[in-house]
Amino acid sequence: MTTPPGPAPGQPYRPEGYGPPPLQGPPPGQHPMGVPPAQRPGPPPRLGGPPQSPPQGSPRDPGPDRRTEAPGQAGPPEGWDNTPAPTAAPGKGFVGALLDFNFNHLVTTKLIKVFYGLALLMISASAFVVLYLGLWVFSLRNGQFLGVLVMLSSPFIWLFEAVLVRIFMESIIVRFKTAEYLRIIKDKL
């Protein structure tokens, strides 16, 4: 009795007729894209923006007499605009955005700097309270060692609290920026 041939080493087992055929790599000694990128003719590809046609005379360009596009369709598709959509109306200030009942203009992104500054002031005040507490414990009869420990912990407490507040504020900003960028993408479509 013979066993059916299995997959090549490193290839997953796929019974006949199930799934797409496995991808084959280029022959040895040949670049996967045909010509290495350093030797390709023409300018390097642009990322983003409207699609561009290849330069005249390149291998991908069929030439002026063999173009397949209909007359009058030259240029980018209708509605394609490379400028970002405005996120807020030009005349809307803080009060205008605050009174926007459709929530098209976000106030949190404008206020987050103020809240972060206030949070850092409160964290600094709490670190000074811990420092003062350490000085008070240090002045007690047998509290020199404990007082020094409390005073030395004050900068670490400040740093820990500042990092926590920063992480919280950044998570809020990331959520609002995501919503803002999604609105820009939606407006482009």
N, C-alpha and C. Protein backbone atom coordinates (compact mmCIF):
# COMPACT_ATOMS: atom_id res chain seq x y z
N MET A 1 0.85 -1.17 0.00
CA MET A 1 0.00 0.00 0.00
C MET A 1 0.89 1.23 0.00
N THR A 2 0.56 2.20 -0.83
CA THR A 2 1.37 3.42 -0.92
C THR A 2 0.65 4.55 -0.21
N THR A 3 1.41 5.45 0.35
CA THR A 3 0.83 6.62 1.02
C THR A 3 0.76 7.76 0.02
N PRO A 4 -0.30 8.57 0.12
CA PRO A 4 -0.39 9.70 -0.81
C PRO A 4 0.73 10.69 -0.54
N PRO A 5 1.19 11.38 -1.58
CA PRO A 5 2.28 12.34 -1.37
C PRO A 5 1.79 13.49 -0.49
N GLY A 6 2.60 13.88 0.46
CA GLY A 6 2.27 14.98 1.37
C GLY A 6 2.78 16.30 0.83
N PRO A 7 2.55 17.34 1.60
CA PRO A 7 3.02 18.65 1.15
C PRO A 7 4.54 18.75 1.27
N ALA A 8 5.09 19.65 0.52
CA ALA A 8 6.53 19.89 0.59
C ALA A 8 6.87 20.40 1.98
N PRO A 9 8.11 20.20 2.41
CA PRO A 9 8.49 20.69 3.74
C PRO A 9 8.26 22.19 3.85
N GLY A 10 7.62 22.61 4.94
CA GLY A 10 7.33 24.02 5.17
C GLY A 10 6.04 24.49 4.54
N GLN A 11 5.31 23.62 3.81
CA GLN A 11 4.05 23.98 3.19
C GLN A 11 2.91 23.36 3.99
N PRO A 12 1.79 24.08 4.18
CA PRO A 12 0.66 23.50 4.90
C PRO A 12 -0.03 22.45 4.04
N TYR A 13 -0.66 21.50 4.70
CA TYR A 13 -1.39 20.44 3.98
C TYR A 13 -2.72 20.99 3.50
N ARG A 14 -2.98 20.83 2.21
CA ARG A 14 -4.25 21.25 1.62
C ARG A 14 -4.77 20.12 0.75
N PRO A 15 -5.92 19.55 1.14
CA PRO A 15 -6.48 18.51 0.28
C PRO A 15 -6.86 19.08 -1.07
N GLU A 16 -6.91 18.22 -2.08
CA GLU A 16 -7.23 18.65 -3.43
C GLU A 16 -8.58 19.37 -3.47
N GLY A 17 -8.63 20.51 -4.12
CA GLY A 17 -9.87 21.22 -4.32
C GLY A 17 -10.25 22.17 -3.20
N TYR A 18 -9.47 22.26 -2.15
CA TYR A 18 -9.79 23.15 -1.03
C TYR A 18 -8.82 24.32 -1.01
N GLY A 19 -9.37 25.52 -1.07
CA GLY A 19 -8.56 26.73 -0.92
C GLY A 19 -7.79 27.05 -2.19
N PRO A 20 -7.15 28.21 -2.19
CA PRO A 20 -6.38 28.61 -3.37
C PRO A 20 -5.09 27.81 -3.46
N PRO A 21 -4.53 27.70 -4.65
CA PRO A 21 -3.27 26.97 -4.77
C PRO A 21 -2.17 27.74 -4.04
N PRO A 22 -1.16 27.03 -3.54
CA PRO A 22 -0.08 27.74 -2.84
C PRO A 22 0.69 28.63 -3.79
N LEU A 23 1.17 29.75 -3.27
CA LEU A 23 1.92 30.70 -4.08
C LEU A 23 3.31 30.16 -4.36
N GLN A 24 3.75 30.38 -5.56
CA GLN A 24 5.08 29.94 -5.95
C GLN A 24 6.00 31.15 -5.96
N GLY A 25 7.19 31.01 -5.47
CA GLY A 25 8.16 32.09 -5.47
C GLY A 25 8.83 32.21 -6.82
N PRO A 26 9.65 33.25 -7.02
CA PRO A 26 10.34 33.41 -8.29
C PRO A 26 11.42 32.34 -8.42
N PRO A 27 11.84 32.06 -9.64
CA PRO A 27 12.93 31.10 -9.82
C PRO A 27 14.19 31.62 -9.13
N PRO A 28 15.08 30.72 -8.74
CA PRO A 28 16.32 31.17 -8.07
C PRO A 28 17.11 32.12 -8.97
N GLY A 29 17.60 33.17 -8.37
CA GLY A 29 18.41 34.15 -9.08
C GLY A 29 17.60 35.25 -9.74
N GLN A 30 16.28 35.23 -9.61
CA GLN A 30 15.45 36.27 -10.21
C GLN A 30 14.78 37.06 -9.10
N HIS A 31 14.67 38.37 -9.30
CA HIS A 31 14.04 39.25 -8.32
C HIS A 31 12.54 38.97 -8.31
N PRO A 32 11.84 39.02 -7.13
CA PRO A 32 10.41 38.72 -7.09
C PRO A 32 9.56 39.63 -7.96
N MET A 33 9.97 40.84 -8.21
CA MET A 33 9.17 41.76 -9.02
C MET A 33 9.70 41.88 -10.44
N GLY A 34 10.56 40.99 -10.86
CA GLY A 34 11.11 41.05 -12.21
C GLY A 34 12.40 41.82 -12.23
N VAL A 35 12.33 43.12 -12.20
CA VAL A 35 13.51 43.98 -12.23
C VAL A 35 13.67 44.58 -10.83
N PRO A 36 14.87 44.52 -10.25
CA PRO A 36 15.05 45.12 -8.92
C PRO A 36 14.67 46.59 -8.94
N PRO A 37 14.15 47.14 -7.79
CA PRO A 37 13.70 48.53 -7.77
C PRO A 37 14.77 49.53 -8.17
N ALA A 38 16.02 49.26 -7.91
CA ALA A 38 17.08 50.21 -8.24
C ALA A 38 17.28 50.33 -9.75
N GLN A 39 16.86 49.29 -10.52
CA GLN A 39 17.09 49.30 -11.95
C GLN A 39 15.82 49.62 -12.75
N ARG A 40 14.70 49.88 -12.09
CA ARG A 40 13.46 50.16 -12.80
C ARG A 40 13.51 51.56 -13.41
N PRO A 41 12.97 51.72 -14.63
CA PRO A 41 12.96 53.07 -15.24
C PRO A 41 11.86 53.92 -14.64
N GLY A 42 12.01 55.20 -14.74
CA GLY A 42 10.96 56.12 -14.30
C GLY A 42 11.17 56.59 -12.88
N PRO A 43 10.33 57.54 -12.46
CA PRO A 43 10.46 58.08 -11.10
C PRO A 43 9.95 57.07 -10.08
N PRO A 44 10.39 57.21 -8.82
CA PRO A 44 9.90 56.30 -7.78
C PRO A 44 8.41 56.52 -7.55
N PRO A 45 7.70 55.48 -7.10
CA PRO A 45 6.26 55.63 -6.89
C PRO A 45 5.97 56.56 -5.73
N ARG A 46 4.86 57.34 -5.86
CA ARG A 46 4.45 58.25 -4.79
C ARG A 46 3.49 57.53 -3.87
N LEU A 47 3.57 57.85 -2.59
CA LEU A 47 2.63 57.31 -1.63
C LEU A 47 1.54 58.33 -1.39
N GLY A 48 0.30 57.92 -1.48
CA GLY A 48 -0.82 58.81 -1.23
C GLY A 48 -1.08 59.70 -2.43
N GLY A 49 -2.15 60.44 -2.35
CA GLY A 49 -2.50 61.35 -3.42
C GLY A 49 -3.20 60.63 -4.55
N PRO A 50 -3.61 61.35 -5.57
CA PRO A 50 -4.31 60.72 -6.67
C PRO A 50 -3.38 59.84 -7.48
N PRO A 51 -3.90 58.81 -8.14
CA PRO A 51 -3.04 57.95 -8.96
C PRO A 51 -2.50 58.73 -10.15
N GLN A 52 -1.29 58.39 -10.52
CA GLN A 52 -0.65 59.07 -11.63
C GLN A 52 -0.38 58.06 -12.74
N SER A 53 -0.40 58.54 -13.97
CA SER A 53 -0.08 57.66 -15.08
C SER A 53 1.43 57.57 -15.20
N PRO A 54 1.93 56.44 -15.72
CA PRO A 54 3.38 56.31 -15.87
C PRO A 54 3.89 57.25 -16.94
N PRO A 55 5.18 57.57 -16.93
CA PRO A 55 5.74 58.48 -17.92
C PRO A 55 5.67 57.85 -19.31
N GLN A 56 5.67 58.73 -20.34
CA GLN A 56 5.63 58.28 -21.73
C GLN A 56 6.84 57.40 -22.01
N GLY A 57 6.61 56.33 -22.73
CA GLY A 57 7.71 55.48 -23.15
C GLY A 57 8.10 54.44 -22.12
N SER A 58 7.47 54.37 -20.97
CA SER A 58 7.82 53.35 -20.00
C SER A 58 7.17 52.03 -20.41
N PRO A 59 7.65 50.89 -19.92
CA PRO A 59 7.10 49.60 -20.34
C PRO A 59 5.63 49.46 -19.99
N ARG A 60 5.13 50.13 -18.96
CA ARG A 60 3.73 49.97 -18.57
C ARG A 60 2.82 50.91 -19.35
N ASP A 61 3.37 51.89 -20.05
CA ASP A 61 2.57 52.87 -20.77
C ASP A 61 2.30 52.34 -22.18
N PRO A 62 1.03 52.17 -22.57
CA PRO A 62 0.75 51.63 -23.89
C PRO A 62 1.00 52.63 -25.01
N GLY A 63 1.27 53.87 -24.71
CA GLY A 63 1.54 54.87 -25.75
C GLY A 63 0.29 55.65 -26.07
N PRO A 64 0.45 56.79 -26.77
CA PRO A 64 -0.71 57.65 -27.03
C PRO A 64 -1.73 57.02 -27.97
N ASP A 65 -1.29 56.13 -28.89
CA ASP A 65 -2.23 55.56 -29.84
C ASP A 65 -2.94 54.33 -29.30
N ARG A 66 -2.54 53.78 -28.16
CA ARG A 66 -3.14 52.56 -27.64
C ARG A 66 -3.83 52.77 -26.30
N ARG A 67 -4.08 53.98 -25.90
CA ARG A 67 -4.73 54.24 -24.62
C ARG A 67 -6.14 53.70 -24.63
N THR A 68 -6.58 53.20 -23.48
CA THR A 68 -7.90 52.59 -23.38
C THR A 68 -8.92 53.51 -22.75
N GLU A 69 -8.50 54.66 -22.21
CA GLU A 69 -9.46 55.54 -21.57
C GLU A 69 -10.23 56.33 -22.62
N ALA A 70 -11.46 56.60 -22.29
CA ALA A 70 -12.32 57.33 -23.22
C ALA A 70 -11.92 58.80 -23.24
N PRO A 71 -12.20 59.50 -24.33
CA PRO A 71 -11.88 60.93 -24.36
C PRO A 71 -12.72 61.68 -23.33
N GLY A 72 -12.12 62.65 -22.72
CA GLY A 72 -12.81 63.44 -21.70
C GLY A 72 -12.66 62.87 -20.31
N GLN A 73 -11.93 61.76 -20.14
CA GLN A 73 -11.75 61.17 -18.82
C GLN A 73 -10.32 61.36 -18.31
N ALA A 74 -9.62 62.32 -18.81
CA ALA A 74 -8.26 62.55 -18.36
C ALA A 74 -8.30 63.20 -16.99
N GLY A 75 -7.34 62.87 -16.15
CA GLY A 75 -7.25 63.47 -14.83
C GLY A 75 -7.86 62.59 -13.76
N PRO A 76 -7.82 63.05 -12.52
CA PRO A 76 -8.33 62.24 -11.41
C PRO A 76 -9.85 62.14 -11.45
N PRO A 77 -10.40 61.15 -10.77
CA PRO A 77 -11.85 60.99 -10.75
C PRO A 77 -12.53 62.20 -10.13
N GLU A 78 -13.78 62.38 -10.46
CA GLU A 78 -14.53 63.51 -9.95
C GLU A 78 -14.67 63.41 -8.43
N GLY A 79 -14.51 64.52 -7.75
CA GLY A 79 -14.63 64.54 -6.30
C GLY A 79 -13.33 64.22 -5.58
N TRP A 80 -12.30 63.86 -6.35
CA TRP A 80 -11.02 63.52 -5.73
C TRP A 80 -10.30 64.82 -5.43
N ASP A 81 -9.98 65.03 -4.17
CA ASP A 81 -9.35 66.27 -3.75
C ASP A 81 -8.20 65.92 -2.84
N ASN A 82 -7.05 66.48 -3.07
CA ASN A 82 -5.88 66.16 -2.27
C ASN A 82 -5.75 67.03 -1.03
N THR A 83 -6.59 68.04 -0.87
CA THR A 83 -6.52 68.90 0.30
C THR A 83 -7.37 68.30 1.41
N PRO A 84 -6.89 68.35 2.67
CA PRO A 84 -7.68 67.79 3.76
C PRO A 84 -8.94 68.60 4.00
N ALA A 85 -9.98 67.90 4.39
CA ALA A 85 -11.25 68.57 4.69
C ALA A 85 -11.10 69.34 5.99
N PRO A 86 -11.73 70.50 6.11
CA PRO A 86 -11.64 71.26 7.36
C PRO A 86 -12.35 70.50 8.47
N THR A 87 -11.75 70.52 9.67
CA THR A 87 -12.33 69.81 10.80
C THR A 87 -13.28 70.70 11.57
N ALA A 88 -13.16 71.98 11.46
CA ALA A 88 -14.06 72.90 12.15
C ALA A 88 -14.36 74.07 11.22
N ALA A 89 -15.51 74.62 11.39
CA ALA A 89 -15.87 75.77 10.58
C ALA A 89 -14.94 76.92 10.94
N PRO A 90 -14.54 77.75 9.97
CA PRO A 90 -13.56 78.79 10.27
C PRO A 90 -14.04 79.78 11.33
N GLY A 91 -15.34 80.07 11.41
CA GLY A 91 -15.83 81.06 12.35
C GLY A 91 -16.15 80.49 13.73
N LYS A 92 -16.08 79.18 13.91
CA LYS A 92 -16.44 78.56 15.19
C LYS A 92 -15.27 78.67 16.16
N GLY A 93 -15.49 79.33 17.24
CA GLY A 93 -14.50 79.40 18.29
C GLY A 93 -14.87 78.42 19.39
N PHE A 94 -14.33 78.66 20.58
CA PHE A 94 -14.58 77.76 21.70
C PHE A 94 -16.06 77.77 22.09
N VAL A 95 -16.65 78.95 22.20
CA VAL A 95 -18.06 79.06 22.60
C VAL A 95 -18.96 78.48 21.52
N GLY A 96 -18.64 78.74 20.24
CA GLY A 96 -19.42 78.19 19.15
C GLY A 96 -19.38 76.67 19.13
N ALA A 97 -18.20 76.11 19.40
CA ALA A 97 -18.07 74.65 19.45
C ALA A 97 -18.78 74.09 20.68
N LEU A 98 -18.79 74.85 21.77
CA LEU A 98 -19.46 74.40 22.99
C LEU A 98 -20.97 74.36 22.80
N LEU A 99 -21.50 75.26 21.99
CA LEU A 99 -22.94 75.32 21.75
C LEU A 99 -23.38 74.55 20.51
N ASP A 100 -22.51 73.72 19.97
CA ASP A 100 -22.83 72.90 18.80
C ASP A 100 -23.57 71.65 19.28
N PHE A 101 -24.87 71.60 19.04
CA PHE A 101 -25.68 70.48 19.53
C PHE A 101 -25.59 69.25 18.63
N ASN A 102 -24.95 69.37 17.46
CA ASN A 102 -24.73 68.21 16.59
C ASN A 102 -23.42 67.51 16.89
N PHE A 103 -22.60 68.10 17.73
CA PHE A 103 -21.29 67.57 18.11
C PHE A 103 -20.40 67.36 16.90
N ASN A 104 -20.43 68.29 15.96
CA ASN A 104 -19.53 68.25 14.82
C ASN A 104 -18.19 68.89 15.14
N HIS A 105 -18.12 69.70 16.17
CA HIS A 105 -16.89 70.39 16.57
C HIS A 105 -16.56 69.94 17.99
N LEU A 106 -15.36 69.41 18.18
CA LEU A 106 -14.97 68.82 19.45
C LEU A 106 -14.31 69.86 20.36
N VAL A 107 -14.75 69.89 21.60
CA VAL A 107 -14.22 70.84 22.58
C VAL A 107 -13.09 70.20 23.39
N THR A 108 -13.15 68.89 23.56
CA THR A 108 -12.18 68.20 24.42
C THR A 108 -10.76 68.41 23.93
N THR A 109 -10.55 68.38 22.62
CA THR A 109 -9.19 68.57 22.11
C THR A 109 -8.65 69.96 22.39
N LYS A 110 -9.56 70.93 22.59
CA LYS A 110 -9.12 72.28 22.92
C LYS A 110 -8.87 72.43 24.42
N LEU A 111 -9.61 71.69 25.23
CA LEU A 111 -9.50 71.81 26.68
C LEU A 111 -8.44 70.90 27.30
N ILE A 112 -7.97 69.91 26.57
CA ILE A 112 -7.09 68.91 27.17
C ILE A 112 -5.78 69.53 27.68
N LYS A 113 -5.28 70.56 27.01
CA LYS A 113 -4.05 71.21 27.46
C LYS A 113 -4.26 71.89 28.82
N VAL A 114 -5.42 72.51 28.98
CA VAL A 114 -5.72 73.18 30.25
C VAL A 114 -5.84 72.14 31.37
N PHE A 115 -6.54 71.04 31.10
CA PHE A 115 -6.69 70.00 32.11
C PHE A 115 -5.35 69.36 32.46
N TYR A 116 -4.49 69.18 31.47
CA TYR A 116 -3.17 68.59 31.75
C TYR A 116 -2.33 69.54 32.61
N GLY A 117 -2.38 70.83 32.31
CA GLY A 117 -1.66 71.80 33.14
C GLY A 117 -2.17 71.83 34.57
N LEU A 118 -3.50 71.81 34.73
CA LEU A 118 -4.07 71.77 36.09
C LEU A 118 -3.69 70.49 36.82
N ALA A 119 -3.69 69.37 36.10
CA ALA A 119 -3.32 68.11 36.72
C ALA A 119 -1.86 68.14 37.18
N LEU A 120 -0.96 68.72 36.37
CA LEU A 120 0.44 68.81 36.79
C LEU A 120 0.60 69.73 38.00
N LEU A 121 -0.19 70.80 38.07
CA LEU A 121 -0.14 71.67 39.25
C LEU A 121 -0.60 70.92 40.51
N MET A 122 -1.67 70.15 40.39
CA MET A 122 -2.15 69.39 41.55
C MET A 122 -1.16 68.30 41.95
N ILE A 123 -0.53 67.65 40.98
CA ILE A 123 0.47 66.63 41.28
C ILE A 123 1.66 67.27 41.98
N SER A 124 2.08 68.44 41.52
CA SER A 124 3.20 69.14 42.17
C SER A 124 2.83 69.53 43.60
N ALA A 125 1.60 69.98 43.80
CA ALA A 125 1.16 70.34 45.15
C ALA A 125 1.15 69.12 46.06
N SER A 126 0.70 67.98 45.54
CA SER A 126 0.70 66.77 46.39
C SER A 126 2.13 66.32 46.68
N ALA A 127 3.07 66.50 45.74
CA ALA A 127 4.47 66.14 46.01
C ALA A 127 5.06 67.05 47.08
N PHE A 128 4.69 68.34 47.07
CA PHE A 128 5.17 69.25 48.13
C PHE A 128 4.56 68.89 49.48
N VAL A 129 3.32 68.42 49.49
CA VAL A 129 2.71 67.98 50.75
C VAL A 129 3.46 66.78 51.31
N VAL A 130 3.83 65.83 50.44
CA VAL A 130 4.60 64.66 50.89
C VAL A 130 5.97 65.11 51.39
N LEU A 131 6.60 66.06 50.72
CA LEU A 131 7.89 66.58 51.17
C LEU A 131 7.76 67.26 52.53
N TYR A 132 6.73 68.06 52.71
CA TYR A 132 6.49 68.71 54.01
C TYR A 132 6.21 67.67 55.09
N LEU A 133 5.46 66.64 54.75
CA LEU A 133 5.19 65.56 55.71
C LEU A 133 6.49 64.87 56.11
N GLY A 134 7.39 64.66 55.14
CA GLY A 134 8.69 64.06 55.45
C GLY A 134 9.51 64.94 56.38
N LEU A 135 9.47 66.27 56.15
CA LEU A 135 10.19 67.19 57.05
C LEU A 135 9.60 67.15 58.46
N TRP A 136 8.26 67.05 58.53
CA TRP A 136 7.62 67.00 59.85
C TRP A 136 7.99 65.71 60.59
N VAL A 137 7.98 64.57 59.87
CA VAL A 137 8.36 63.30 60.49
C VAL A 137 9.84 63.34 60.90
N PHE A 138 10.68 63.98 60.09
CA PHE A 138 12.10 64.08 60.39
C PHE A 138 12.33 64.85 61.69
N SER A 139 11.47 65.82 61.99
CA SER A 139 11.66 66.63 63.19
C SER A 139 11.19 65.93 64.46
N LEU A 140 10.51 64.81 64.33
CA LEU A 140 10.07 64.07 65.51
C LEU A 140 11.25 63.42 66.20
N ARG A 141 11.01 62.90 67.41
CA ARG A 141 12.09 62.41 68.26
C ARG A 141 12.89 61.28 67.62
N ASN A 142 12.26 60.23 67.12
CA ASN A 142 12.98 59.11 66.51
C ASN A 142 12.56 58.91 65.05
N GLY A 143 12.26 59.97 64.33
CA GLY A 143 11.75 59.82 62.97
C GLY A 143 12.69 60.26 61.89
N GLN A 144 14.00 60.35 62.18
CA GLN A 144 14.92 60.84 61.16
C GLN A 144 14.97 59.91 59.94
N PHE A 145 15.08 58.61 60.18
CA PHE A 145 15.20 57.66 59.06
C PHE A 145 13.91 57.64 58.23
N LEU A 146 12.76 57.57 58.90
CA LEU A 146 11.49 57.55 58.20
C LEU A 146 11.24 58.88 57.48
N GLY A 147 11.63 59.99 58.09
CA GLY A 147 11.46 61.30 57.46
C GLY A 147 12.27 61.43 56.18
N VAL A 148 13.52 60.93 56.20
CA VAL A 148 14.36 60.97 55.01
C VAL A 148 13.75 60.09 53.91
N LEU A 149 13.23 58.91 54.29
CA LEU A 149 12.59 58.04 53.29
C LEU A 149 11.38 58.71 52.64
N VAL A 150 10.57 59.38 53.45
CA VAL A 150 9.39 60.05 52.91
C VAL A 150 9.81 61.21 52.01
N MET A 151 10.82 61.98 52.42
CA MET A 151 11.29 63.09 51.58
C MET A 151 11.88 62.60 50.27
N LEU A 152 12.61 61.48 50.30
CA LEU A 152 13.20 60.94 49.07
C LEU A 152 12.16 60.32 48.14
N SER A 153 11.02 59.94 48.72
CA SER A 153 9.98 59.35 47.88
C SER A 153 9.16 60.40 47.14
N SER A 154 9.25 61.64 47.55
CA SER A 154 8.45 62.70 46.94
C SER A 154 8.66 62.84 45.43
N PRO A 155 9.90 62.87 44.89
CA PRO A 155 10.04 62.99 43.44
C PRO A 155 9.52 61.76 42.69
N PHE A 156 9.66 60.57 43.30
CA PHE A 156 9.17 59.36 42.64
C PHE A 156 7.64 59.35 42.59
N ILE A 157 7.02 59.86 43.65
CA ILE A 157 5.55 59.98 43.66
C ILE A 157 5.11 60.96 42.58
N TRP A 158 5.81 62.10 42.47
CA TRP A 158 5.46 63.08 41.44
C TRP A 158 5.59 62.45 40.05
N LEU A 159 6.70 61.75 39.79
CA LEU A 159 6.93 61.15 38.49
C LEU A 159 5.86 60.10 38.16
N PHE A 160 5.54 59.25 39.13
CA PHE A 160 4.54 58.21 38.92
C PHE A 160 3.18 58.81 38.60
N GLU A 161 2.77 59.81 39.36
CA GLU A 161 1.47 60.44 39.12
C GLU A 161 1.46 61.17 37.78
N ALA A 162 2.55 61.84 37.43
CA ALA A 162 2.61 62.56 36.16
C ALA A 162 2.52 61.59 34.98
N VAL A 163 3.18 60.44 35.07
CA VAL A 163 3.11 59.45 34.01
C VAL A 163 1.69 58.91 33.88
N LEU A 164 1.03 58.62 34.99
CA LEU A 164 -0.34 58.12 34.93
C LEU A 164 -1.29 59.13 34.29
N VAL A 165 -1.17 60.40 34.68
CA VAL A 165 -2.02 61.43 34.10
C VAL A 165 -1.73 61.59 32.62
N ARG A 166 -0.47 61.54 32.24
CA ARG A 166 -0.10 61.68 30.82
C ARG A 166 -0.69 60.53 30.00
N ILE A 167 -0.60 59.31 30.51
CA ILE A 167 -1.16 58.15 29.80
C ILE A 167 -2.67 58.32 29.63
N PHE A 168 -3.34 58.75 30.68
CA PHE A 168 -4.79 58.95 30.62
C PHE A 168 -5.15 60.02 29.59
N MET A 169 -4.44 61.16 29.63
CA MET A 169 -4.73 62.25 28.69
C MET A 169 -4.43 61.84 27.25
N GLU A 170 -3.34 61.10 27.04
CA GLU A 170 -3.01 60.65 25.68
C GLU A 170 -4.06 59.67 25.16
N SER A 171 -4.59 58.82 26.02
CA SER A 171 -5.62 57.88 25.56
C SER A 171 -6.88 58.64 25.14
N ILE A 172 -7.20 59.71 25.84
CA ILE A 172 -8.36 60.52 25.46
C ILE A 172 -8.09 61.20 24.11
N ILE A 173 -6.91 61.78 23.95
CA ILE A 173 -6.59 62.47 22.70
C ILE A 173 -6.56 61.50 21.52
N VAL A 174 -6.04 60.30 21.73
CA VAL A 174 -6.00 59.32 20.64
C VAL A 174 -7.40 59.00 20.17
N ARG A 175 -8.33 58.84 21.09
CA ARG A 175 -9.72 58.56 20.71
C ARG A 175 -10.32 59.71 19.90
N PHE A 176 -10.10 60.92 20.34
CA PHE A 176 -10.67 62.07 19.64
C PHE A 176 -9.98 62.31 18.30
N LYS A 177 -8.66 62.12 18.22
CA LYS A 177 -7.96 62.28 16.95
C LYS A 177 -8.40 61.21 15.96
N THR A 178 -8.65 59.99 16.45
CA THR A 178 -9.14 58.93 15.57
C THR A 178 -10.49 59.33 14.97
N ALA A 179 -11.37 59.85 15.79
CA ALA A 179 -12.68 60.29 15.30
C ALA A 179 -12.51 61.43 14.29
N GLU A 180 -11.58 62.33 14.56
CA GLU A 180 -11.34 63.47 13.66
C GLU A 180 -10.81 62.99 12.31
N TYR A 181 -9.85 62.08 12.33
CA TYR A 181 -9.28 61.58 11.08
C TYR A 181 -10.29 60.72 10.32
N LEU A 182 -11.12 59.97 11.01
CA LEU A 182 -12.16 59.20 10.33
C LEU A 182 -13.16 60.12 9.65
N ARG A 183 -13.46 61.25 10.28
CA ARG A 183 -14.38 62.23 9.65
C ARG A 183 -13.75 62.79 8.38
N ILE A 184 -12.43 63.06 8.41
CA ILE A 184 -11.74 63.57 7.22
C ILE A 184 -11.78 62.53 6.09
N ILE A 185 -11.54 61.26 6.45
CA ILE A 185 -11.58 60.19 5.45
C ILE A 185 -12.99 60.06 4.88
N LYS A 186 -14.01 60.14 5.73
CA LYS A 186 -15.40 60.04 5.27
C LYS A 186 -15.74 61.18 4.34
N ASP A 187 -15.26 62.38 4.65
CA ASP A 187 -15.54 63.53 3.80
C ASP A 187 -14.87 63.42 2.44
N LYS A 188 -13.74 62.69 2.36
CA LYS A 188 -13.06 62.53 1.07
C LYS A 188 -13.75 61.52 0.19
N LEU A 189 -14.49 60.61 0.79
CA LEU A 189 -15.15 59.57 -0.01
C LEU A 189 -16.36 60.07 -0.64
